[in-house]
Amino acid sequence: MTRSHRLQPTSTWLVAQAAAWVACILLLSSPTADAAEGMFRLDELPIAALKKAGLLTSAERLLELSRSVVRVAHGGSGSFVSGAGLIVTNYHVAYGCLVRLDSMKAHHGLVQRGFLARERSAELHCPGYDLLVVQRVVDVTAEVKTALAPKMSWSARFEAIRLKKQAIVDRCQASKRYICSVAAMDGGRA
């Protein structure tokens, strides 16, 4: 015959539960932060809030500095750190390049031993990596919304937005001078 019994909570367990509830209540009831938080388009930086928080540079200089940001390969980011085009990025962004180079006979072992180019002519090129530099940011929300009609199904809405975004990209790339993209900012909530 098996006997079962109910465990009684200990005082330590009760204190831990109470502390957890107090922490949750404090987190949920705390006032919002004063700092400007979130992601901002480069042409909509909250300059006044940044100045109030202690920013010492001008809005023009911030836009100028934004040109140092690059998109590496397929979505990673990096920054120019020299006028000669030297870029710094995270290891996980460069890893694909390192593995491709390591698979070549001339560079076998590169991932384990690393590499330092003592002069520019000795630099290794990353096969299959592109660097994209932001030239301009334009808000196309109103134009995308012209594709929408009242009471569209979700699938029709999705397709209308997709087609409108593609038309904007095609128009932008017609000159063949730029690679353009339309990105949903803030989760596309506009």
Protein backbone atom coordinates (compact mmCIF):
# COMPACT_ATOMS: atom_id res chain seq x y z
CA MET A 1 0.00 0.00 0.00
CA THR A 2 1.31 3.40 -0.92
CA ARG A 3 0.73 6.36 1.21
CA SER A 4 0.81 9.81 -0.12
CA HIS A 5 1.11 12.94 1.84
CA ARG A 6 1.01 16.59 1.02
CA LEU A 7 4.20 18.54 1.46
CA GLN A 8 3.85 21.64 3.53
CA PRO A 9 5.66 24.70 2.23
CA THR A 10 8.61 25.68 4.35
CA SER A 11 9.15 29.19 5.62
CA THR A 12 12.10 29.56 3.20
CA TRP A 13 9.85 28.66 0.29
CA LEU A 14 7.21 31.17 1.43
CA VAL A 15 9.80 33.95 1.73
CA ALA A 16 11.12 33.15 -1.76
CA GLN A 17 7.59 33.24 -3.20
CA ALA A 18 6.86 36.55 -1.49
CA ALA A 19 10.14 38.03 -2.76
CA ALA A 20 9.33 36.93 -6.30
CA TRP A 21 5.90 38.56 -6.15
CA VAL A 22 7.33 41.79 -4.73
CA ALA A 23 9.94 41.88 -7.51
CA CYS A 24 7.25 41.37 -10.17
CA ILE A 25 5.05 44.10 -8.69
CA LEU A 26 7.97 46.54 -8.53
CA LEU A 27 8.98 45.79 -12.12
CA LEU A 28 5.46 46.22 -13.41
CA SER A 29 4.74 49.38 -11.46
CA SER A 30 8.05 51.18 -11.94
CA PRO A 31 7.96 54.42 -13.93
CA THR A 32 9.33 54.33 -17.45
CA ALA A 33 12.92 55.34 -18.08
CA ASP A 34 13.71 58.95 -18.91
CA ALA A 35 16.19 58.09 -21.64
CA ALA A 36 15.11 57.85 -25.27
CA GLU A 37 15.00 54.15 -25.90
CA GLY A 38 14.49 52.08 -28.99
CA MET A 39 15.61 51.99 -32.57
CA PHE A 40 15.47 55.15 -34.61
CA ARG A 41 15.90 55.83 -38.29
CA LEU A 42 19.00 57.89 -38.96
CA ASP A 43 16.88 60.80 -40.17
CA GLU A 44 14.71 60.73 -37.03
CA LEU A 45 17.21 60.57 -34.19
CA PRO A 46 15.80 62.13 -30.99
CA ILE A 47 18.46 64.85 -30.97
CA ALA A 48 16.80 66.95 -28.22
CA ALA A 49 16.59 63.95 -25.88
CA LEU A 50 20.15 62.93 -26.70
CA LYS A 51 21.40 66.49 -26.03
CA LYS A 52 19.51 66.52 -22.72
CA ALA A 53 21.22 63.23 -21.84
CA GLY A 54 24.63 64.81 -22.49
CA LEU A 55 25.35 64.36 -26.21
CA LEU A 56 28.02 66.87 -27.21
CA THR A 57 28.01 66.50 -31.00
CA SER A 58 25.69 68.04 -33.59
CA ALA A 59 22.92 66.29 -35.50
CA GLU A 60 24.87 66.88 -38.71
CA ARG A 61 27.92 65.15 -37.26
CA LEU A 62 25.79 62.17 -36.17
CA LEU A 63 24.46 61.79 -39.71
CA GLU A 64 28.01 62.04 -41.01
CA LEU A 65 29.14 59.34 -38.57
CA SER A 66 26.27 57.12 -39.68
CA ARG A 67 28.12 56.69 -42.97
CA SER A 68 30.69 54.62 -41.06
CA VAL A 69 28.11 51.89 -40.40
CA VAL A 70 28.07 49.03 -42.89
CA ARG A 71 25.95 45.95 -43.41
CA VAL A 72 28.31 43.01 -43.78
CA ALA A 73 27.47 39.92 -45.82
CA HIS A 74 23.95 38.77 -45.11
CA GLY A 75 22.79 40.96 -42.26
CA GLY A 76 25.73 41.42 -39.90
CA SER A 77 26.99 44.89 -39.10
CA GLY A 78 30.35 46.55 -38.83
CA SER A 79 31.96 49.97 -38.81
CA PHE A 80 34.68 51.65 -40.80
CA VAL A 81 37.55 52.45 -38.44
CA SER A 82 39.91 54.03 -40.95
CA GLY A 83 39.81 56.19 -44.03
CA ALA A 84 41.47 53.33 -45.92
CA GLY A 85 38.40 51.13 -45.52
CA LEU A 86 39.41 48.99 -42.54
CA ILE A 87 36.27 47.52 -40.95
CA VAL A 88 35.73 46.09 -37.51
CA THR A 89 32.97 43.55 -36.93
CA ASN A 90 32.12 40.68 -34.62
CA TYR A 91 33.67 37.25 -34.94
CA HIS A 92 30.36 35.56 -35.77
CA VAL A 93 29.90 37.96 -38.71
CA ALA A 94 33.36 37.19 -40.13
CA TYR A 95 33.24 33.47 -39.32
CA GLY A 96 31.79 32.42 -42.70
CA CYS A 97 34.62 34.24 -44.47
CA LEU A 98 37.22 32.63 -42.23
CA VAL A 99 35.83 29.16 -42.87
CA ARG A 100 35.75 29.71 -46.65
CA LEU A 101 39.34 30.95 -46.62
CA ASP A 102 40.38 28.09 -44.34
CA SER A 103 38.99 25.60 -46.86
CA MET A 104 41.39 26.92 -49.52
CA LYS A 105 44.74 25.14 -49.70
CA ALA A 106 46.70 28.41 -49.52
CA HIS A 107 45.03 29.43 -46.25
CA HIS A 108 44.40 26.07 -44.56
CA GLY A 109 44.56 26.42 -40.75
CA LEU A 110 43.55 30.08 -40.75
CA VAL A 111 40.71 29.58 -38.26
CA GLN A 112 43.05 28.01 -35.68
CA ARG A 113 46.11 30.22 -36.08
CA GLY A 114 44.55 33.54 -37.13
CA PHE A 115 45.95 36.00 -39.65
CA LEU A 116 47.53 39.43 -39.59
CA ALA A 117 48.22 41.33 -42.81
CA ARG A 118 51.41 43.32 -42.25
CA GLU A 119 50.67 45.47 -45.30
CA ARG A 120 47.61 46.27 -47.35
CA SER A 121 48.67 44.16 -50.32
CA ALA A 122 48.69 41.09 -48.06
CA GLU A 123 45.04 41.48 -46.99
CA LEU A 124 42.76 38.55 -47.75
CA HIS A 125 39.47 39.11 -49.54
CA CYS A 126 36.31 37.48 -48.22
CA PRO A 127 34.67 35.44 -50.96
CA GLY A 128 30.92 36.01 -51.12
CA TYR A 129 30.89 38.97 -48.71
CA ASP A 130 29.40 42.31 -49.68
CA LEU A 131 29.55 45.52 -47.71
CA LEU A 132 26.61 47.86 -47.99
CA VAL A 133 26.92 51.46 -46.83
CA VAL A 134 23.77 53.46 -46.09
CA GLN A 135 23.63 56.44 -48.44
CA ARG A 136 20.15 57.67 -47.67
CA VAL A 137 17.15 56.78 -45.53
CA VAL A 138 13.70 57.69 -46.83
CA ASP A 139 10.37 57.12 -45.09
CA VAL A 140 8.15 55.29 -47.62
CA THR A 141 5.36 54.43 -45.17
CA ALA A 142 2.74 56.62 -46.87
CA GLU A 143 3.61 55.21 -50.29
CA VAL A 144 3.39 51.61 -49.06
CA LYS A 145 0.02 52.33 -47.41
CA THR A 146 -1.45 53.42 -50.77
CA ALA A 147 -1.54 49.72 -51.69
CA LEU A 148 -3.96 48.95 -48.88
CA ALA A 149 -7.73 48.95 -49.01
CA PRO A 150 -10.26 48.69 -46.19
CA LYS A 151 -11.28 45.19 -45.14
CA MET A 152 -8.45 43.38 -46.98
CA SER A 153 -7.77 39.83 -45.87
CA TRP A 154 -4.43 39.32 -44.13
CA SER A 155 -3.05 37.42 -47.12
CA ALA A 156 -4.19 40.12 -49.58
CA ARG A 157 -2.73 42.81 -47.30
CA PHE A 158 0.60 40.97 -47.05
CA GLU A 159 0.79 40.53 -50.83
CA ALA A 160 -0.14 44.17 -51.53
CA ILE A 161 2.59 45.39 -49.16
CA ARG A 162 5.12 42.98 -50.66
CA LEU A 163 4.35 44.13 -54.22
CA LYS A 164 4.46 47.83 -53.28
CA LYS A 165 7.80 47.40 -51.51
CA GLN A 166 9.21 45.55 -54.52
CA ALA A 167 8.04 48.36 -56.85
CA ILE A 168 9.82 50.93 -54.65
CA VAL A 169 13.02 48.86 -54.69
CA ASP A 170 12.82 48.38 -58.48
CA ARG A 171 12.36 52.13 -59.01
CA CYS A 172 15.29 52.92 -56.71
CA GLN A 173 17.59 50.42 -58.41
CA ALA A 174 16.67 51.49 -61.97
CA SER A 175 19.81 53.66 -62.14
CA LYS A 176 21.94 50.58 -61.35
CA ARG A 177 23.98 52.78 -58.97
CA TYR A 178 22.44 51.55 -55.74
CA ILE A 179 21.30 48.42 -53.98
CA CYS A 180 18.05 49.42 -52.32
CA SER A 181 15.84 47.85 -49.71
CA VAL A 182 12.62 48.64 -47.92
CA ALA A 183 12.78 47.66 -44.28
CA ALA A 184 9.94 47.63 -41.78
CA MET A 185 10.97 49.76 -38.84
CA ASP A 186 9.51 49.13 -35.40
CA GLY A 187 8.04 45.88 -36.62
CA GLY A 188 6.12 47.62 -39.42
CA ARG A 189 3.63 49.15 -36.96
CA ALA A 190 3.24 52.46 -38.76
